[in-house]
N, C-alpha and C. Protein backbone atom coordinates (compact mmCIF):
# COMPACT_ATOMS: atom_id res chain seq x y z
N THR A 1 -9.40 -5.71 11.87
CA THR A 1 -10.49 -5.04 11.22
C THR A 1 -10.23 -3.54 11.12
N ILE A 2 -9.72 -2.98 12.21
CA ILE A 2 -9.42 -1.54 12.21
C ILE A 2 -8.36 -1.21 11.17
N LEU A 3 -7.33 -2.03 11.08
CA LEU A 3 -6.28 -1.79 10.08
C LEU A 3 -6.82 -1.90 8.66
N PHE A 4 -7.67 -2.89 8.41
CA PHE A 4 -8.23 -3.06 7.07
C PHE A 4 -9.05 -1.83 6.68
N PHE A 5 -9.92 -1.38 7.57
CA PHE A 5 -10.75 -0.22 7.25
C PHE A 5 -9.93 1.06 7.17
N THR A 6 -8.86 1.15 7.93
CA THR A 6 -7.96 2.30 7.79
C THR A 6 -7.32 2.30 6.41
N GLY A 7 -6.91 1.15 5.95
CA GLY A 7 -6.32 1.05 4.62
C GLY A 7 -7.30 1.39 3.52
N THR A 8 -8.54 0.92 3.66
CA THR A 8 -9.54 1.24 2.64
C THR A 8 -9.89 2.73 2.65
N PHE A 9 -9.96 3.32 3.83
CA PHE A 9 -10.23 4.75 3.93
C PHE A 9 -9.10 5.56 3.32
N PHE A 10 -7.86 5.16 3.60
CA PHE A 10 -6.70 5.84 3.03
C PHE A 10 -6.71 5.76 1.50
N ALA A 11 -7.04 4.60 0.99
CA ALA A 11 -7.10 4.43 -0.47
C ALA A 11 -8.19 5.31 -1.06
N TYR A 12 -9.34 5.32 -0.44
CA TYR A 12 -10.49 6.06 -0.98
C TYR A 12 -10.29 7.57 -0.90
N ARG A 13 -9.65 8.05 0.17
CA ARG A 13 -9.51 9.49 0.36
C ARG A 13 -8.21 10.07 -0.20
N VAL A 14 -7.16 9.26 -0.34
CA VAL A 14 -5.86 9.80 -0.75
C VAL A 14 -5.37 9.19 -2.07
N VAL A 15 -5.27 7.88 -2.13
CA VAL A 15 -4.64 7.23 -3.29
C VAL A 15 -5.51 7.34 -4.54
N ILE A 16 -6.79 7.06 -4.43
CA ILE A 16 -7.67 7.07 -5.60
C ILE A 16 -7.80 8.47 -6.20
N PRO A 17 -8.07 9.52 -5.40
CA PRO A 17 -8.15 10.85 -6.02
C PRO A 17 -6.85 11.26 -6.72
N THR A 18 -5.72 10.91 -6.13
CA THR A 18 -4.44 11.24 -6.76
C THR A 18 -4.25 10.46 -8.06
N GLY A 19 -4.59 9.19 -8.05
CA GLY A 19 -4.47 8.37 -9.26
C GLY A 19 -5.39 8.83 -10.36
N VAL A 20 -6.63 9.18 -10.01
CA VAL A 20 -7.58 9.65 -11.02
C VAL A 20 -7.13 10.99 -11.58
N ASP A 21 -6.64 11.88 -10.73
CA ASP A 21 -6.12 13.17 -11.22
C ASP A 21 -4.97 12.97 -12.19
N PHE A 22 -4.09 12.03 -11.86
CA PHE A 22 -2.96 11.78 -12.75
C PHE A 22 -3.42 11.19 -14.07
N LEU A 23 -4.32 10.22 -14.02
CA LEU A 23 -4.80 9.59 -15.24
C LEU A 23 -5.55 10.59 -16.13
N SER A 24 -6.22 11.54 -15.51
CA SER A 24 -6.98 12.52 -16.30
C SER A 24 -6.07 13.52 -17.02
N THR A 25 -4.78 13.56 -16.67
CA THR A 25 -3.87 14.48 -17.36
C THR A 25 -3.41 13.95 -18.71
N PHE A 26 -3.66 12.66 -18.97
CA PHE A 26 -3.28 12.09 -20.26
C PHE A 26 -4.35 12.43 -21.30
N THR A 27 -4.11 13.48 -22.03
CA THR A 27 -5.05 13.86 -23.08
C THR A 27 -4.30 14.13 -24.37
N LEU A 28 -4.98 13.87 -25.44
CA LEU A 28 -4.47 14.18 -26.77
C LEU A 28 -5.33 15.30 -27.35
N GLU A 29 -4.76 16.05 -28.22
CA GLU A 29 -5.50 17.15 -28.82
C GLU A 29 -6.68 16.59 -29.62
N GLY A 30 -7.86 17.09 -29.34
CA GLY A 30 -9.05 16.65 -30.03
C GLY A 30 -9.68 15.40 -29.46
N VAL A 31 -9.11 14.84 -28.39
CA VAL A 31 -9.64 13.62 -27.78
C VAL A 31 -10.06 13.95 -26.35
N THR A 32 -11.23 13.52 -25.97
CA THR A 32 -11.69 13.74 -24.61
C THR A 32 -11.65 12.43 -23.83
N ASN A 33 -11.39 12.56 -22.55
CA ASN A 33 -11.39 11.37 -21.68
C ASN A 33 -12.83 10.96 -21.42
N GLN A 34 -13.10 9.69 -21.59
CA GLN A 34 -14.42 9.15 -21.27
C GLN A 34 -14.22 7.99 -20.32
N TYR A 35 -14.82 8.12 -19.16
CA TYR A 35 -14.70 7.08 -18.15
C TYR A 35 -15.94 6.22 -18.18
N SER A 36 -15.75 4.93 -18.11
CA SER A 36 -16.91 4.04 -18.00
C SER A 36 -17.10 3.70 -16.53
N LEU A 37 -18.33 3.46 -16.18
CA LEU A 37 -18.64 3.11 -14.80
C LEU A 37 -17.95 1.81 -14.42
N GLU A 38 -17.91 0.88 -15.34
CA GLU A 38 -17.28 -0.42 -15.07
C GLU A 38 -15.78 -0.26 -14.81
N ALA A 39 -15.09 0.53 -15.63
CA ALA A 39 -13.64 0.72 -15.46
C ALA A 39 -13.34 1.46 -14.16
N TYR A 40 -14.11 2.49 -13.86
CA TYR A 40 -13.88 3.25 -12.64
C TYR A 40 -14.16 2.40 -11.40
N THR A 41 -15.24 1.63 -11.45
CA THR A 41 -15.59 0.77 -10.31
C THR A 41 -14.52 -0.28 -10.07
N SER A 42 -14.04 -0.90 -11.12
CA SER A 42 -13.00 -1.91 -10.94
C SER A 42 -11.70 -1.28 -10.44
N PHE A 43 -11.37 -0.08 -10.92
CA PHE A 43 -10.19 0.64 -10.45
C PHE A 43 -10.29 0.93 -8.95
N VAL A 44 -11.45 1.44 -8.54
CA VAL A 44 -11.65 1.79 -7.12
C VAL A 44 -11.65 0.54 -6.26
N LEU A 45 -12.37 -0.48 -6.66
CA LEU A 45 -12.41 -1.71 -5.85
C LEU A 45 -11.04 -2.36 -5.74
N TYR A 46 -10.30 -2.39 -6.83
CA TYR A 46 -8.97 -2.97 -6.81
C TYR A 46 -8.07 -2.24 -5.82
N LEU A 47 -8.03 -0.92 -5.90
CA LEU A 47 -7.14 -0.17 -4.99
C LEU A 47 -7.62 -0.23 -3.55
N VAL A 48 -8.91 -0.16 -3.33
CA VAL A 48 -9.43 -0.21 -1.96
C VAL A 48 -9.10 -1.56 -1.31
N LEU A 49 -9.35 -2.64 -2.02
CA LEU A 49 -9.05 -3.96 -1.45
C LEU A 49 -7.55 -4.18 -1.29
N ALA A 50 -6.76 -3.71 -2.26
CA ALA A 50 -5.31 -3.87 -2.14
C ALA A 50 -4.77 -3.11 -0.93
N MET A 51 -5.21 -1.88 -0.74
CA MET A 51 -4.73 -1.11 0.41
C MET A 51 -5.24 -1.69 1.72
N GLY A 52 -6.46 -2.20 1.73
CA GLY A 52 -6.96 -2.85 2.94
C GLY A 52 -6.11 -4.05 3.32
N LEU A 53 -5.73 -4.84 2.33
CA LEU A 53 -4.88 -6.01 2.60
C LEU A 53 -3.46 -5.60 2.99
N ILE A 54 -2.95 -4.55 2.38
CA ILE A 54 -1.61 -4.05 2.74
C ILE A 54 -1.59 -3.62 4.20
N PHE A 55 -2.64 -2.98 4.65
CA PHE A 55 -2.68 -2.52 6.04
C PHE A 55 -2.84 -3.67 7.03
N GLU A 56 -3.07 -4.88 6.54
CA GLU A 56 -3.12 -6.06 7.40
C GLU A 56 -1.73 -6.67 7.61
N ALA A 57 -0.73 -6.16 6.95
CA ALA A 57 0.63 -6.72 7.05
C ALA A 57 1.15 -6.78 8.49
N PRO A 58 0.91 -5.76 9.34
CA PRO A 58 1.38 -5.89 10.73
C PRO A 58 0.81 -7.10 11.45
N VAL A 59 -0.43 -7.44 11.19
CA VAL A 59 -1.05 -8.60 11.83
C VAL A 59 -0.32 -9.87 11.39
N ILE A 60 -0.01 -9.95 10.11
CA ILE A 60 0.69 -11.13 9.59
C ILE A 60 2.09 -11.23 10.17
N ILE A 61 2.80 -10.10 10.25
CA ILE A 61 4.16 -10.11 10.79
C ILE A 61 4.16 -10.51 12.26
N VAL A 62 3.22 -9.97 13.03
CA VAL A 62 3.13 -10.33 14.45
C VAL A 62 2.79 -11.81 14.59
N PHE A 63 1.91 -12.31 13.75
CA PHE A 63 1.57 -13.74 13.78
C PHE A 63 2.81 -14.60 13.48
N LEU A 64 3.59 -14.20 12.47
CA LEU A 64 4.81 -14.95 12.14
C LEU A 64 5.84 -14.86 13.26
N ALA A 65 5.91 -13.71 13.92
CA ALA A 65 6.83 -13.56 15.05
C ALA A 65 6.38 -14.42 16.23
N ARG A 66 5.09 -14.49 16.44
CA ARG A 66 4.55 -15.32 17.53
C ARG A 66 4.85 -16.79 17.29
N LEU A 67 4.86 -17.20 16.02
CA LEU A 67 5.20 -18.58 15.68
C LEU A 67 6.71 -18.83 15.73
N GLY A 68 7.49 -17.76 15.83
CA GLY A 68 8.94 -17.89 15.88
C GLY A 68 9.59 -17.93 14.51
N LEU A 69 8.86 -17.61 13.46
CA LEU A 69 9.41 -17.66 12.11
C LEU A 69 10.20 -16.40 11.76
N VAL A 70 9.87 -15.27 12.38
CA VAL A 70 10.62 -14.02 12.18
C VAL A 70 10.86 -13.39 13.54
N SER A 71 11.85 -12.52 13.59
CA SER A 71 12.14 -11.79 14.82
C SER A 71 12.38 -10.33 14.47
N SER A 72 12.27 -9.48 15.46
CA SER A 72 12.50 -8.06 15.21
C SER A 72 13.95 -7.82 14.80
N ARG A 73 14.86 -8.56 15.36
CA ARG A 73 16.29 -8.41 15.01
C ARG A 73 16.52 -8.81 13.54
N GLY A 74 15.94 -9.91 13.13
CA GLY A 74 16.08 -10.37 11.75
C GLY A 74 15.43 -9.41 10.76
N LEU A 75 14.27 -8.87 11.12
CA LEU A 75 13.61 -7.92 10.24
C LEU A 75 14.38 -6.61 10.14
N ARG A 76 14.96 -6.18 11.26
CA ARG A 76 15.78 -4.95 11.22
C ARG A 76 16.98 -5.12 10.31
N ALA A 77 17.57 -6.31 10.31
CA ALA A 77 18.73 -6.57 9.47
C ALA A 77 18.37 -6.53 7.99
N ARG A 78 17.10 -6.79 7.67
CA ARG A 78 16.66 -6.81 6.27
C ARG A 78 15.83 -5.57 5.92
N ARG A 79 15.99 -4.50 6.65
CA ARG A 79 15.21 -3.28 6.46
C ARG A 79 15.33 -2.73 5.03
N LYS A 80 16.54 -2.70 4.47
CA LYS A 80 16.72 -2.15 3.12
C LYS A 80 15.97 -2.97 2.09
N MET A 81 15.98 -4.29 2.25
CA MET A 81 15.26 -5.15 1.31
C MET A 81 13.75 -4.95 1.44
N VAL A 82 13.29 -4.71 2.66
CA VAL A 82 11.86 -4.50 2.87
C VAL A 82 11.42 -3.19 2.22
N ILE A 83 12.22 -2.14 2.35
CA ILE A 83 11.87 -0.86 1.73
C ILE A 83 11.82 -1.01 0.22
N LEU A 84 12.80 -1.70 -0.35
CA LEU A 84 12.79 -1.95 -1.79
C LEU A 84 11.57 -2.77 -2.19
N ALA A 85 11.24 -3.78 -1.41
CA ALA A 85 10.07 -4.61 -1.70
C ALA A 85 8.78 -3.80 -1.62
N CYS A 86 8.72 -2.84 -0.70
CA CYS A 86 7.54 -1.98 -0.60
C CYS A 86 7.34 -1.18 -1.88
N PHE A 87 8.43 -0.61 -2.40
CA PHE A 87 8.31 0.18 -3.62
C PHE A 87 8.04 -0.69 -4.85
N ILE A 88 8.59 -1.89 -4.89
CA ILE A 88 8.30 -2.80 -6.00
C ILE A 88 6.84 -3.23 -5.95
N ALA A 89 6.36 -3.59 -4.77
CA ALA A 89 4.96 -3.98 -4.63
C ALA A 89 4.03 -2.82 -4.98
N ALA A 90 4.39 -1.62 -4.57
CA ALA A 90 3.57 -0.45 -4.89
C ALA A 90 3.54 -0.19 -6.39
N ALA A 91 4.65 -0.43 -7.06
CA ALA A 91 4.69 -0.25 -8.52
C ALA A 91 3.76 -1.25 -9.20
N VAL A 92 3.67 -2.45 -8.66
CA VAL A 92 2.79 -3.47 -9.23
C VAL A 92 1.33 -3.17 -8.91
N ILE A 93 1.07 -2.71 -7.70
CA ILE A 93 -0.30 -2.47 -7.26
C ILE A 93 -0.93 -1.26 -7.94
N THR A 94 -0.20 -0.17 -8.04
CA THR A 94 -0.78 1.05 -8.59
C THR A 94 -0.84 0.98 -10.10
N PRO A 95 -1.96 1.36 -10.66
CA PRO A 95 -2.11 1.28 -12.11
C PRO A 95 -1.50 2.46 -12.85
N THR A 96 -1.06 3.47 -12.13
CA THR A 96 -0.49 4.65 -12.77
C THR A 96 1.03 4.59 -12.68
N PRO A 97 1.74 5.13 -13.67
CA PRO A 97 3.19 5.06 -13.67
C PRO A 97 3.89 6.18 -12.91
N ASP A 98 3.13 7.03 -12.22
CA ASP A 98 3.78 8.16 -11.56
C ASP A 98 4.31 7.77 -10.19
N MET A 99 5.33 8.48 -9.76
CA MET A 99 5.98 8.20 -8.48
C MET A 99 5.13 8.68 -7.30
N VAL A 100 4.26 9.65 -7.52
CA VAL A 100 3.45 10.16 -6.40
C VAL A 100 2.50 9.08 -5.91
N THR A 101 1.75 8.47 -6.81
CA THR A 101 0.82 7.43 -6.41
C THR A 101 1.56 6.22 -5.87
N GLN A 102 2.67 5.87 -6.50
CA GLN A 102 3.47 4.75 -6.01
C GLN A 102 3.97 5.03 -4.60
N SER A 103 4.42 6.24 -4.34
CA SER A 103 4.89 6.59 -3.01
C SER A 103 3.76 6.61 -2.00
N LEU A 104 2.55 7.01 -2.43
CA LEU A 104 1.40 7.01 -1.52
C LEU A 104 1.01 5.60 -1.08
N VAL A 105 1.43 4.61 -1.84
CA VAL A 105 1.19 3.22 -1.45
C VAL A 105 2.39 2.66 -0.70
N ALA A 106 3.61 2.96 -1.18
CA ALA A 106 4.82 2.37 -0.60
C ALA A 106 5.16 2.94 0.78
N VAL A 107 5.00 4.23 0.97
CA VAL A 107 5.39 4.84 2.25
C VAL A 107 4.54 4.31 3.41
N PRO A 108 3.20 4.21 3.28
CA PRO A 108 2.45 3.59 4.38
C PRO A 108 2.86 2.14 4.64
N MET A 109 3.19 1.41 3.58
CA MET A 109 3.67 0.03 3.78
C MET A 109 4.93 0.03 4.64
N TRP A 110 5.84 0.92 4.31
CA TRP A 110 7.09 1.01 5.04
C TRP A 110 6.84 1.46 6.49
N LEU A 111 5.97 2.47 6.68
CA LEU A 111 5.68 2.94 8.03
C LEU A 111 4.99 1.87 8.87
N LEU A 112 4.12 1.09 8.25
CA LEU A 112 3.50 -0.02 8.97
C LEU A 112 4.55 -1.04 9.39
N PHE A 113 5.52 -1.30 8.52
CA PHE A 113 6.61 -2.21 8.85
C PHE A 113 7.41 -1.68 10.04
N GLU A 114 7.75 -0.40 10.01
CA GLU A 114 8.52 0.19 11.12
C GLU A 114 7.72 0.17 12.42
N GLY A 115 6.42 0.45 12.34
CA GLY A 115 5.58 0.38 13.54
C GLY A 115 5.50 -1.03 14.09
N THR A 116 5.46 -2.00 13.20
CA THR A 116 5.44 -3.39 13.63
C THR A 116 6.74 -3.77 14.31
N LEU A 117 7.87 -3.27 13.78
CA LEU A 117 9.17 -3.53 14.44
C LEU A 117 9.18 -2.96 15.86
N ILE A 118 8.64 -1.78 16.02
CA ILE A 118 8.59 -1.17 17.37
C ILE A 118 7.74 -2.03 18.29
N ALA A 119 6.58 -2.48 17.78
CA ALA A 119 5.70 -3.32 18.61
C ALA A 119 6.37 -4.64 18.96
N LEU A 120 7.07 -5.24 18.00
CA LEU A 120 7.77 -6.49 18.28
C LEU A 120 8.88 -6.28 19.31
N GLY A 121 9.54 -5.13 19.26
CA GLY A 121 10.57 -4.83 20.25
C GLY A 121 10.00 -4.73 21.65
N PHE A 122 8.82 -4.09 21.77
CA PHE A 122 8.16 -4.01 23.08
C PHE A 122 7.70 -5.37 23.58
N LEU A 123 7.28 -6.21 22.66
CA LEU A 123 6.82 -7.55 23.05
C LEU A 123 7.98 -8.52 23.28
N GLY A 124 9.16 -8.15 22.87
CA GLY A 124 10.32 -9.00 23.08
C GLY A 124 10.46 -10.13 22.08
N TRP A 125 9.80 -9.99 20.93
CA TRP A 125 9.86 -11.02 19.91
C TRP A 125 10.86 -10.62 18.88
């Protein structure tokens, strides 16, 4: 629960303002940006729920390690693939094409993965 709410808070305070700022820079001469409440609400809900679920990844990894399906040694060996997967997932999740918003989603995913590896090492899994 704490991880989920941390993810939603991070999305609401960091990712969404950055994404909205970036989207508002797309203007054409003589055209003004008009936001609808429905579009903004769906944008916010989508990112908040996505980040909340992303922050649950350590729980899933620990559960899989407890079942014996993954190990810290095996995950360390696949670290490069996990980092690439984090950035690919962030590119899919974020609705903006900029690297800043994508990095704001991918870097926490990667840091959560590294923190989970440390925890698995302490637990001996």
